[in-house]
Amino acid sequence: MATSLLIALLLTVPLALPDAKKISRVEAIHQGVSRNYDLLGRRLEQHRLEILGRAAWRPYSPNVFLDATYRQTPYFLGPNFVADRFVDYTAGAGWRSIIGTTVAAAVVVSQDVRGNTPLANELSLSVSQPLLKDAWLAGGALPLREADLLAAVQKEIYRGELNALIASIDGAYWDLALAESDLQIKTRSRDRAKQQYEDTKENIRRGIIADVEIYIVEENVVFFEQELLRTDQVLRLARRRLAELLALDPETILDAEDELVGPSLSLPDRQPTVDVGLQQSPVILAQARRTELAAVRFRYAWNQALPSLTVSAGMKLFRYPTPEANVGLTLAVPLDRGAISAGVENARIDNERAEVELRNQQARVQFELENAITDLELNVRLLSLATKRVELAELKLSAQNDKYKNGISTLADVVRFQRDLDEALIASQRVIRAVHVGRARLLTSQGTLANTVGVALQ
């Protein structure tokens, strides 16, 4: 018959690729983290900002300097015009602190080019301290605080993307495990349907049952062959998706080593779980660092709006004819305050906007955590019901088989109950997958998923 020929052709279609490599969930996560190019770029950006943090100390490093100057002084000696020639040597060091203090020391030696005896020596010491503008940490240490906070923001961005990548790999891994489990269920169903087909054919040949019964089992075989083909395609795509996340060749064949079984976990307490997320969420911590950065810039803008008031002191020793000391106070006040006030107002608004965004992120993460907990609670309860449904479907099929053997049920009823059992098994596997993925989603929102699989920030 044409249907028999179709079945024979379908049975020749390969349902799995050979030479699959088994990989555990943790192994897949570690491999994906170490090979992901996007994450590598984020890691390099984080390292770059950490180096910039060290580079920000450059203006506060002590400097030394050397200087040599040739000069001549012309004058009349009687009727003749002559010139004295000198070489001045200067050596010194200077340093500016993070609170604006400037300290400098210099030695000056003047020497006549016609002799080796120095004509004049001088040692000068000076120190200055701004008291308003450019003073203290708010006015003198902005580059350091900016560099540290930008590096901290990037660290949280990297941590967030690390957790998101692990969640993606985790979901792809359980998709692969689900596809493999689905394929096993459909293969068993196909084999069972095929055996029923052969048994029915034999019973028709013996005259035990009517010829029309063959159509039921033939349709059942064709149905499961179709399901197998669809499942095989899903499996191939799941393998390719996981290979993509692990940066492997698209043709790499992966099999899940971890079985798709219900995890042994207890439902988390809602409030402590939310509290942990609000404290450790990378989204919140990154925005908190941005808010702190905006506050630092606002304090700097406010400092720059102050008048410039600087106190300075200096001393010159070994100076001919006598040493010299000085103390000074410098005041400068800009007459036009419009642009300065606008700069302060801009920084204040930016600071306020950052605080509003922080509250927004806190609220968003809290709802995200609440929803993740609700979904996880639901799926854990659904898993218990799905397990019970599988048990009942097995009992129903067993009872229907007994009734069929005793002649009080039809083959069509047996086939229908077999399909019910397959649907219950697959539904149970999907709920198990949802529990695993839901737990990873919750930990991702918390910012703690990487810690649970032994992945540390690098």
Protein backbone atom coordinates (compact mmCIF):
# COMPACT_ATOMS: atom_id res chain seq x y z
CA MET A 1 0.00 0.00 0.00
CA ALA A 2 1.03 3.62 -0.57
CA THR A 3 0.90 4.31 3.15
CA SER A 4 3.25 1.40 3.86
CA LEU A 5 5.70 2.76 1.29
CA LEU A 6 5.54 6.22 2.93
CA ILE A 7 6.26 4.70 6.33
CA ALA A 8 9.20 2.73 4.94
CA LEU A 9 10.65 5.90 3.44
CA LEU A 10 10.21 7.87 6.66
CA LEU A 11 11.96 5.17 8.66
CA THR A 12 15.07 5.67 6.56
CA VAL A 13 15.46 9.35 7.63
CA PRO A 14 18.31 9.73 10.17
CA LEU A 15 17.08 11.25 13.42
CA ALA A 16 20.39 12.07 15.09
CA LEU A 17 23.87 13.01 14.05
CA PRO A 18 26.74 10.71 15.05
CA ASP A 19 29.72 11.41 17.31
CA ALA A 20 28.00 13.76 19.76
CA LYS A 21 30.12 15.27 22.51
CA LYS A 22 28.60 15.11 25.98
CA ILE A 23 28.98 18.26 28.05
CA SER A 24 27.78 19.12 31.56
CA ARG A 25 25.92 22.30 32.40
CA VAL A 26 28.73 23.73 34.52
CA GLU A 27 31.32 22.83 31.89
CA ALA A 28 29.24 24.54 29.21
CA ILE A 29 28.91 27.67 31.34
CA HIS A 30 32.63 27.88 32.09
CA GLN A 31 33.52 27.30 28.44
CA GLY A 32 31.02 29.89 27.24
CA VAL A 33 32.25 32.50 29.70
CA SER A 34 35.88 31.98 28.72
CA ARG A 35 35.22 32.13 24.96
CA ASN A 36 32.46 34.72 24.52
CA TYR A 37 33.73 37.66 22.45
CA ASP A 38 31.23 40.22 23.75
CA LEU A 39 32.18 39.39 27.32
CA LEU A 40 35.85 39.54 26.42
CA GLY A 41 35.33 43.05 25.06
CA ARG A 42 33.62 44.11 28.29
CA ARG A 43 36.43 42.57 30.32
CA LEU A 44 39.01 44.51 28.31
CA GLU A 45 37.02 47.72 28.78
CA GLN A 46 36.96 47.11 32.52
CA HIS A 47 40.73 46.54 32.52
CA ARG A 48 41.23 49.72 30.48
CA LEU A 49 39.28 51.81 32.97
CA GLU A 50 41.23 50.30 35.87
CA ILE A 51 44.46 51.38 34.14
CA LEU A 52 43.00 54.85 33.58
CA GLY A 53 42.37 54.98 37.32
CA ARG A 54 46.09 54.58 37.90
CA ALA A 55 46.86 57.07 35.11
CA ALA A 56 44.68 59.66 36.84
CA TRP A 57 47.37 60.02 39.51
CA ARG A 58 49.80 61.50 36.99
CA PRO A 59 49.09 65.20 37.83
CA TYR A 60 49.77 64.41 41.49
CA SER A 61 53.16 62.80 40.95
CA PRO A 62 56.28 64.79 42.00
CA ASN A 63 58.23 66.39 39.15
CA VAL A 64 61.90 67.31 38.93
CA PHE A 65 63.35 69.77 36.46
CA LEU A 66 66.75 70.98 35.25
CA ASP A 67 67.47 74.20 33.42
CA ALA A 68 70.61 75.83 32.01
CA THR A 69 70.60 79.41 30.64
CA TYR A 70 73.37 81.43 29.01
CA ARG A 71 73.17 85.23 29.45
CA GLN A 72 75.41 88.23 28.95
CA THR A 73 75.33 91.66 30.53
CA PRO A 74 76.79 94.49 28.37
CA TYR A 75 78.20 97.67 29.94
CA PHE A 76 80.77 100.41 29.25
CA LEU A 77 84.15 100.18 30.87
CA GLY A 78 85.62 103.59 30.21
CA PRO A 79 85.46 104.23 26.50
CA ASN A 80 85.11 100.49 25.73
CA PHE A 81 81.94 98.46 25.43
CA VAL A 82 82.33 95.06 27.17
CA ALA A 83 80.02 92.26 28.35
CA ASP A 84 80.04 89.83 31.24
CA ARG A 85 78.94 86.31 30.33
CA PHE A 86 77.20 83.95 32.75
CA VAL A 87 75.61 80.51 32.80
CA ASP A 88 72.68 79.99 35.19
CA TYR A 89 71.86 76.48 36.38
CA THR A 90 68.53 75.68 38.00
CA ALA A 91 67.43 72.37 39.52
CA GLY A 92 64.25 71.78 41.44
CA ALA A 93 61.23 69.65 42.27
CA GLY A 94 57.50 70.29 42.58
CA TRP A 95 54.44 68.43 43.81
CA ARG A 96 50.68 69.05 43.91
CA SER A 97 48.49 67.17 46.37
CA ILE A 98 44.92 65.96 45.90
CA ILE A 99 43.66 68.82 48.11
CA GLY A 100 45.32 71.48 45.94
CA THR A 101 48.48 72.09 47.98
CA THR A 102 51.49 72.96 45.81
CA VAL A 103 55.05 72.60 47.11
CA ALA A 104 58.19 73.54 45.14
CA ALA A 105 61.93 73.78 45.82
CA ALA A 106 64.65 75.05 43.49
CA VAL A 107 68.43 75.67 43.55
CA VAL A 108 69.88 78.39 41.33
CA VAL A 109 73.60 78.72 40.59
CA SER A 110 75.05 81.54 38.44
CA GLN A 111 78.60 81.14 37.17
CA ASP A 112 80.90 83.40 35.18
CA VAL A 113 82.05 81.63 32.04
CA ARG A 114 85.55 83.01 32.57
CA GLY A 115 85.97 81.39 35.96
CA ASN A 116 84.93 78.36 37.94
CA THR A 117 83.85 80.10 41.09
CA PRO A 118 80.07 80.53 41.40
CA LEU A 119 79.04 84.12 41.62
CA ALA A 120 75.68 83.51 43.29
CA ASN A 121 73.76 80.66 44.83
CA GLU A 122 70.12 80.59 45.83
CA LEU A 123 67.81 77.99 47.40
CA SER A 124 64.11 78.80 47.18
CA LEU A 125 61.21 77.04 48.87
CA SER A 126 57.53 77.80 48.21
CA VAL A 127 54.14 76.45 49.21
CA SER A 128 50.62 77.52 48.27
CA GLN A 129 47.16 76.37 49.31
CA PRO A 130 43.86 77.38 47.73
CA LEU A 131 41.21 77.92 50.37
CA LEU A 132 38.06 78.15 48.24
CA LYS A 133 38.13 77.36 44.50
CA ASP A 134 40.32 74.33 43.59
CA ALA A 135 40.69 73.49 47.28
CA TRP A 136 40.28 70.25 49.23
CA LEU A 137 38.97 67.00 47.74
CA ALA A 138 35.94 68.60 46.10
CA GLY A 139 38.11 71.00 44.11
CA GLY A 140 41.38 69.13 43.69
CA ALA A 141 40.64 65.41 43.39
CA LEU A 142 37.91 65.23 40.71
CA PRO A 143 40.00 63.23 38.16
CA LEU A 144 40.72 60.54 40.77
CA ARG A 145 37.12 60.20 41.89
CA GLU A 146 35.88 60.15 38.28
CA ALA A 147 38.33 57.43 37.30
CA ASP A 148 37.47 55.25 40.31
CA LEU A 149 33.71 55.59 39.85
CA LEU A 150 33.81 55.00 36.07
CA ALA A 151 35.80 51.82 36.71
CA ALA A 152 33.24 50.78 39.35
CA VAL A 153 30.36 51.38 36.90
CA GLN A 154 32.06 49.28 34.24
CA LYS A 155 32.69 46.50 36.76
CA GLU A 156 28.96 46.28 37.49
CA ILE A 157 28.11 46.40 33.78
CA TYR A 158 30.51 43.52 33.22
CA ARG A 159 29.03 41.59 36.16
CA GLY A 160 25.53 42.10 34.80
CA GLU A 161 26.47 40.88 31.33
CA LEU A 162 28.33 37.93 32.86
CA ASN A 163 25.19 36.85 34.71
CA ALA A 164 23.06 37.42 31.60
CA LEU A 165 25.40 35.28 29.48
CA ILE A 166 25.36 32.48 32.06
CA ALA A 167 21.56 32.63 32.11
CA SER A 168 21.50 32.38 28.29
CA ILE A 169 23.85 29.38 28.33
CA ASP A 170 21.83 27.79 31.12
CA GLY A 171 18.59 28.22 29.17
CA ALA A 172 20.16 26.89 25.96
CA TYR A 173 21.54 23.90 27.86
CA TRP A 174 18.14 22.95 29.26
CA ASP A 175 16.58 23.51 25.84
CA LEU A 176 19.04 20.94 24.52
CA ALA A 177 18.25 18.53 27.36
CA LEU A 178 14.52 19.02 26.71
CA ALA A 179 14.93 18.34 22.99
CA GLU A 180 16.91 15.17 23.72
CA SER A 181 14.29 13.99 26.22
CA ASP A 182 11.53 14.81 23.75
CA LEU A 183 13.34 12.81 21.06
CA GLN A 184 13.61 9.80 23.38
CA ILE A 185 9.91 9.95 24.21
CA LYS A 186 8.92 10.30 20.55
CA THR A 187 11.28 7.49 19.53
CA ARG A 188 9.75 5.13 22.08
CA SER A 189 6.30 6.13 20.91
CA ARG A 190 7.24 5.57 17.26
CA ASP A 191 8.73 2.16 18.05
CA ARG A 192 5.63 1.21 20.03
CA ALA A 193 3.39 2.38 17.19
CA LYS A 194 5.49 0.43 14.70
CA GLN A 195 5.17 -2.71 16.77
CA GLN A 196 1.43 -2.21 17.01
CA TYR A 197 1.35 -1.87 13.24
CA GLU A 198 3.20 -5.17 12.77
CA ASP A 199 1.01 -6.93 15.36
CA THR A 200 -2.16 -5.59 13.77
CA LYS A 201 -1.00 -6.73 10.34
CA GLU A 202 -0.39 -10.22 11.70
CA ASN A 203 -3.77 -10.32 13.44
CA ILE A 204 -5.48 -9.28 10.19
CA ARG A 205 -3.62 -12.01 8.35
CA ARG A 206 -4.87 -14.53 10.89
CA GLY A 207 -8.40 -13.17 10.62
CA ILE A 208 -8.55 -12.15 14.27
CA ILE A 209 -9.48 -8.50 13.58
CA ALA A 210 -11.00 -6.63 10.67
CA ASP A 211 -8.89 -5.12 7.88
CA VAL A 212 -9.97 -1.57 8.70
CA GLU A 213 -8.09 -1.68 12.02
CA ILE A 214 -4.82 -1.26 10.10
CA TYR A 215 -5.66 2.37 9.29
CA ILE A 216 -5.63 3.37 12.96
CA VAL A 217 -2.15 2.02 13.64
CA GLU A 218 -0.82 3.21 10.28
CA GLU A 219 -1.99 6.74 11.05
CA ASN A 220 -0.36 6.43 14.48
CA VAL A 221 2.98 5.47 12.94
CA VAL A 222 2.81 8.37 10.47
CA PHE A 223 1.88 10.77 13.28
CA PHE A 224 4.87 9.81 15.40
CA GLU A 225 7.20 9.87 12.42
CA GLN A 226 6.10 13.46 11.81
CA GLU A 227 6.66 14.28 15.47
CA LEU A 228 10.12 12.69 15.31
CA LEU A 229 11.10 14.79 12.34
CA ARG A 230 9.97 17.98 14.07
CA THR A 231 11.74 17.01 17.28
CA ASP A 232 14.91 16.16 15.42
CA GLN A 233 14.88 19.63 13.85
CA VAL A 234 14.38 21.22 17.28
CA LEU A 235 17.30 19.18 18.60
CA ARG A 236 19.57 20.29 15.77
CA LEU A 237 18.69 23.93 16.37
CA ALA A 238 19.20 23.55 20.14
CA ARG A 239 22.65 22.08 19.54
CA ARG A 240 23.54 24.90 17.19
CA ARG A 241 22.29 27.55 19.62
CA LEU A 242 24.42 26.15 22.44
CA ALA A 243 27.42 25.86 20.11
CA GLU A 244 26.96 29.52 19.18
CA LEU A 245 26.98 30.59 22.84
CA LEU A 246 30.10 28.50 23.45
CA ALA A 247 31.82 30.00 20.37
CA LEU A 248 32.16 26.56 18.74
CA ASP A 249 31.85 25.50 15.13
CA PRO A 250 28.18 25.50 13.99
CA GLU A 251 28.45 21.83 13.07
CA THR A 252 29.64 20.81 16.54
CA ILE A 253 27.32 18.16 17.94
CA LEU A 254 26.65 18.53 21.66
CA ASP A 255 24.66 16.30 24.01
CA ALA A 256 23.55 17.31 27.49
CA GLU A 257 25.25 15.22 30.15
CA ASP A 258 22.99 16.45 32.96
CA GLU A 259 19.61 14.76 32.93
CA LEU A 260 16.46 16.84 32.80
CA VAL A 261 15.13 15.97 36.25
CA GLY A 262 13.35 18.12 38.77
CA PRO A 263 15.82 20.07 40.91
CA SER A 264 15.79 19.62 44.65
CA LEU A 265 15.21 23.17 45.77
CA SER A 266 13.10 24.88 48.38
CA LEU A 267 11.10 27.94 47.52
CA PRO A 268 12.96 31.08 48.62
CA ASP A 269 11.60 33.40 51.26
CA ARG A 270 10.26 36.36 49.36
CA GLN A 271 11.46 39.36 51.39
CA PRO A 272 15.04 38.16 52.09
CA THR A 273 15.39 37.25 48.40
CA VAL A 274 14.25 40.70 47.32
CA ASP A 275 16.55 42.35 49.87
CA VAL A 276 19.57 40.45 48.51
CA GLY A 277 18.67 41.53 44.98
CA LEU A 278 18.36 45.19 45.96
CA GLN A 279 21.80 44.99 47.57
CA GLN A 280 23.64 43.01 44.89
CA SER A 281 21.88 43.68 41.58
CA PRO A 282 24.48 44.90 39.03
CA VAL A 283 21.88 47.22 37.51
CA ILE A 284 21.28 48.96 40.84
CA LEU A 285 24.94 49.06 41.85
CA ALA A 286 25.98 50.49 38.47
CA GLN A 287 23.37 53.24 38.76
CA ALA A 288 24.41 53.87 42.36
CA ARG A 289 27.98 54.49 41.18
CA ARG A 290 26.67 56.81 38.42
CA THR A 291 24.67 58.70 41.03
CA GLU A 292 27.77 59.03 43.21
CA LEU A 293 29.71 60.28 40.19
CA ALA A 294 27.04 62.90 39.48
CA ALA A 295 27.23 64.02 43.12
CA VAL A 296 31.03 64.34 42.90
CA ARG A 297 30.73 66.43 39.74
CA PHE A 298 28.07 68.61 41.39
CA ARG A 299 30.36 69.27 44.37
CA TYR A 300 33.17 70.14 41.97
CA ALA A 301 30.94 72.54 40.01
CA TRP A 302 29.88 74.18 43.28
CA ASN A 303 33.55 74.49 44.27
CA GLN A 304 34.42 76.09 40.96
CA ALA A 305 31.75 78.73 41.54
CA LEU A 306 33.58 80.01 44.65
CA PRO A 307 36.01 82.93 44.51
CA SER A 308 39.68 82.06 44.19
CA LEU A 309 41.46 82.63 47.50
CA THR A 310 45.01 81.30 47.78
CA VAL A 311 47.53 81.65 50.57
CA SER A 312 51.19 81.24 49.68
CA ALA A 313 54.55 81.37 51.43
CA GLY A 314 58.13 81.25 50.20
CA MET A 315 61.74 81.53 51.31
CA LYS A 316 65.02 82.12 49.52
CA LEU A 317 68.16 80.98 51.31
CA PHE A 318 71.87 81.54 50.58
CA ARG A 319 70.79 84.63 48.69
CA TYR A 320 73.12 87.57 48.30
CA PRO A 321 73.13 89.91 50.16
CA THR A 322 70.50 88.53 52.61
CA PRO A 323 67.90 85.71 52.75
CA GLU A 324 64.33 86.57 51.88
CA ALA A 325 60.93 85.30 53.06
CA ASN A 326 57.41 86.14 51.87
CA VAL A 327 53.77 85.39 52.68
CA GLY A 328 50.93 86.30 50.37
CA LEU A 329 47.19 86.09 49.93
CA THR A 330 45.55 86.23 46.49
CA LEU A 331 41.85 86.85 45.89
CA ALA A 332 40.08 86.72 42.51
CA VAL A 333 36.34 87.13 41.98
CA PRO A 334 34.73 86.88 38.53
CA LEU A 335 32.35 89.71 37.78
CA ASP A 336 29.94 87.77 35.53
CA ARG A 337 28.27 84.97 37.55
CA GLY A 338 25.73 83.94 34.90
CA ALA A 339 27.80 81.23 33.17
CA ILE A 340 29.14 79.96 36.49
CA SER A 341 25.65 79.66 37.97
CA ALA A 342 24.45 77.85 34.84
CA GLY A 343 27.25 75.30 35.21
CA VAL A 344 26.32 74.66 38.83
CA GLU A 345 22.62 74.34 37.94
CA ASN A 346 23.43 71.88 35.15
CA ALA A 347 25.44 69.72 37.54
CA ARG A 348 22.66 69.89 40.14
CA ILE A 349 20.03 68.75 37.61
CA ASP A 350 22.27 65.91 36.43
CA ASN A 351 22.74 64.82 40.05
CA GLU A 352 18.99 64.92 40.67
CA ARG A 353 18.30 62.99 37.45
CA ALA A 354 20.78 60.28 38.51
CA GLU A 355 19.04 59.94 41.87
CA VAL A 356 15.65 59.60 40.17
CA GLU A 357 17.08 56.94 37.81
CA LEU A 358 18.47 55.07 40.81
CA ARG A 359 15.04 54.94 42.44
CA ASN A 360 13.58 53.83 39.10
CA GLN A 361 16.09 50.98 38.78
CA GLN A 362 15.44 49.89 42.36
CA ALA A 363 11.70 49.72 41.69
CA ARG A 364 12.22 47.89 38.38
CA VAL A 365 14.53 45.29 39.92
CA GLN A 366 12.15 44.78 42.84
CA PHE A 367 9.25 44.03 40.48
CA GLU A 368 11.54 41.81 38.42
CA LEU A 369 12.47 39.83 41.53
CA GLU A 370 8.86 39.60 42.70
CA ASN A 371 7.77 38.29 39.29
CA ALA A 372 10.64 35.80 39.13
CA ILE A 373 9.73 34.44 42.59
CA THR A 374 6.06 34.19 41.59
CA ASP A 375 6.92 32.32 38.39
CA LEU A 376 9.25 29.96 40.23
CA GLU A 377 6.63 29.22 42.89
CA LEU A 378 4.08 28.48 40.17
CA ASN A 379 6.39 26.18 38.21
CA VAL A 380 7.39 24.24 41.34
CA ARG A 381 3.73 23.60 42.07
CA LEU A 382 3.04 22.77 38.42
CA LEU A 383 5.89 20.25 38.51
CA SER A 384 4.19 18.35 41.31
CA LEU A 385 0.95 18.27 39.35
CA ALA A 386 2.72 17.32 36.10
CA THR A 387 4.40 14.39 37.85
CA LYS A 388 1.03 13.24 39.14
CA ARG A 389 -0.45 13.60 35.65
CA VAL A 390 2.23 11.29 34.22
CA GLU A 391 1.44 8.68 36.87
CA LEU A 392 -2.27 8.85 36.07
CA ALA A 393 -1.64 8.67 32.31
CA GLU A 394 0.45 5.52 32.82
CA LEU A 395 -2.30 3.95 34.93
CA LYS A 396 -4.95 4.89 32.35
CA LEU A 397 -2.93 3.35 29.52
CA SER A 398 -2.28 0.19 31.50
CA ALA A 399 -5.98 -0.18 32.28
CA GLN A 400 -6.89 0.48 28.65
CA ASN A 401 -4.44 -2.17 27.45
CA ASP A 402 -6.05 -4.69 29.81
CA LYS A 403 -9.48 -3.77 28.55
CA TYR A 404 -8.32 -4.12 24.96
CA LYS A 405 -6.88 -7.56 25.65
CA ASN A 406 -10.21 -8.57 27.19
CA GLY A 407 -12.09 -7.31 24.15
CA ILE A 408 -13.97 -4.50 25.89
CA SER A 409 -11.99 -1.62 24.35
CA THR A 410 -10.91 -0.63 20.87
CA LEU A 411 -7.48 -0.13 19.41
CA ALA A 412 -8.35 3.51 18.77
CA ASP A 413 -8.80 4.03 22.52
CA VAL A 414 -5.42 2.47 23.22
CA VAL A 415 -3.73 4.72 20.69
CA ARG A 416 -5.42 7.80 22.15
CA PHE A 417 -4.26 6.95 25.67
CA GLN A 418 -0.73 6.34 24.40
CA ARG A 419 -0.70 9.83 22.95
CA ASP A 420 -2.04 11.21 26.24
CA LEU A 421 0.85 9.61 28.08
CA ASP A 422 3.38 11.07 25.65
CA GLU A 423 1.84 14.53 26.03
CA ALA A 424 1.96 14.21 29.81
CA LEU A 425 5.62 13.16 29.74
CA ILE A 426 6.61 16.02 27.45
CA ALA A 427 4.59 18.53 29.49
CA SER A 428 6.37 17.32 32.64
CA GLN A 429 9.76 17.77 30.99
CA ARG A 430 8.83 21.29 29.91
CA VAL A 431 7.85 22.21 33.46
CA ILE A 432 11.17 20.85 34.76
CA ARG A 433 12.96 23.00 32.20
CA ALA A 434 10.87 26.00 33.32
CA VAL A 435 11.90 25.43 36.96
CA HIS A 436 15.60 25.36 36.04
CA VAL A 437 15.32 28.45 33.84
CA GLY A 438 13.15 30.26 36.39
CA ARG A 439 15.72 29.70 39.13
CA ALA A 440 18.46 31.06 36.86
CA ARG A 441 16.28 34.07 36.02
CA LEU A 442 15.80 34.83 39.72
CA LEU A 443 19.52 34.55 40.46
CA THR A 444 20.29 36.74 37.44
CA SER A 445 18.00 39.47 38.74
CA GLN A 446 19.72 39.14 42.10
CA GLY A 447 23.16 39.33 40.50
CA THR A 448 24.28 36.09 42.17
CA LEU A 449 24.03 33.52 39.36
CA ALA A 450 27.76 33.59 38.56
CA ASN A 451 28.61 32.74 42.18
CA THR A 452 26.41 29.62 42.14
CA VAL A 453 28.34 28.07 39.23
CA GLY A 454 31.83 29.02 40.44
CA VAL A 455 32.48 31.85 37.97
CA ALA A 456 34.41 34.75 39.49
CA LEU A 457 35.00 38.23 38.10
CA GLN A 458 38.34 38.50 36.32
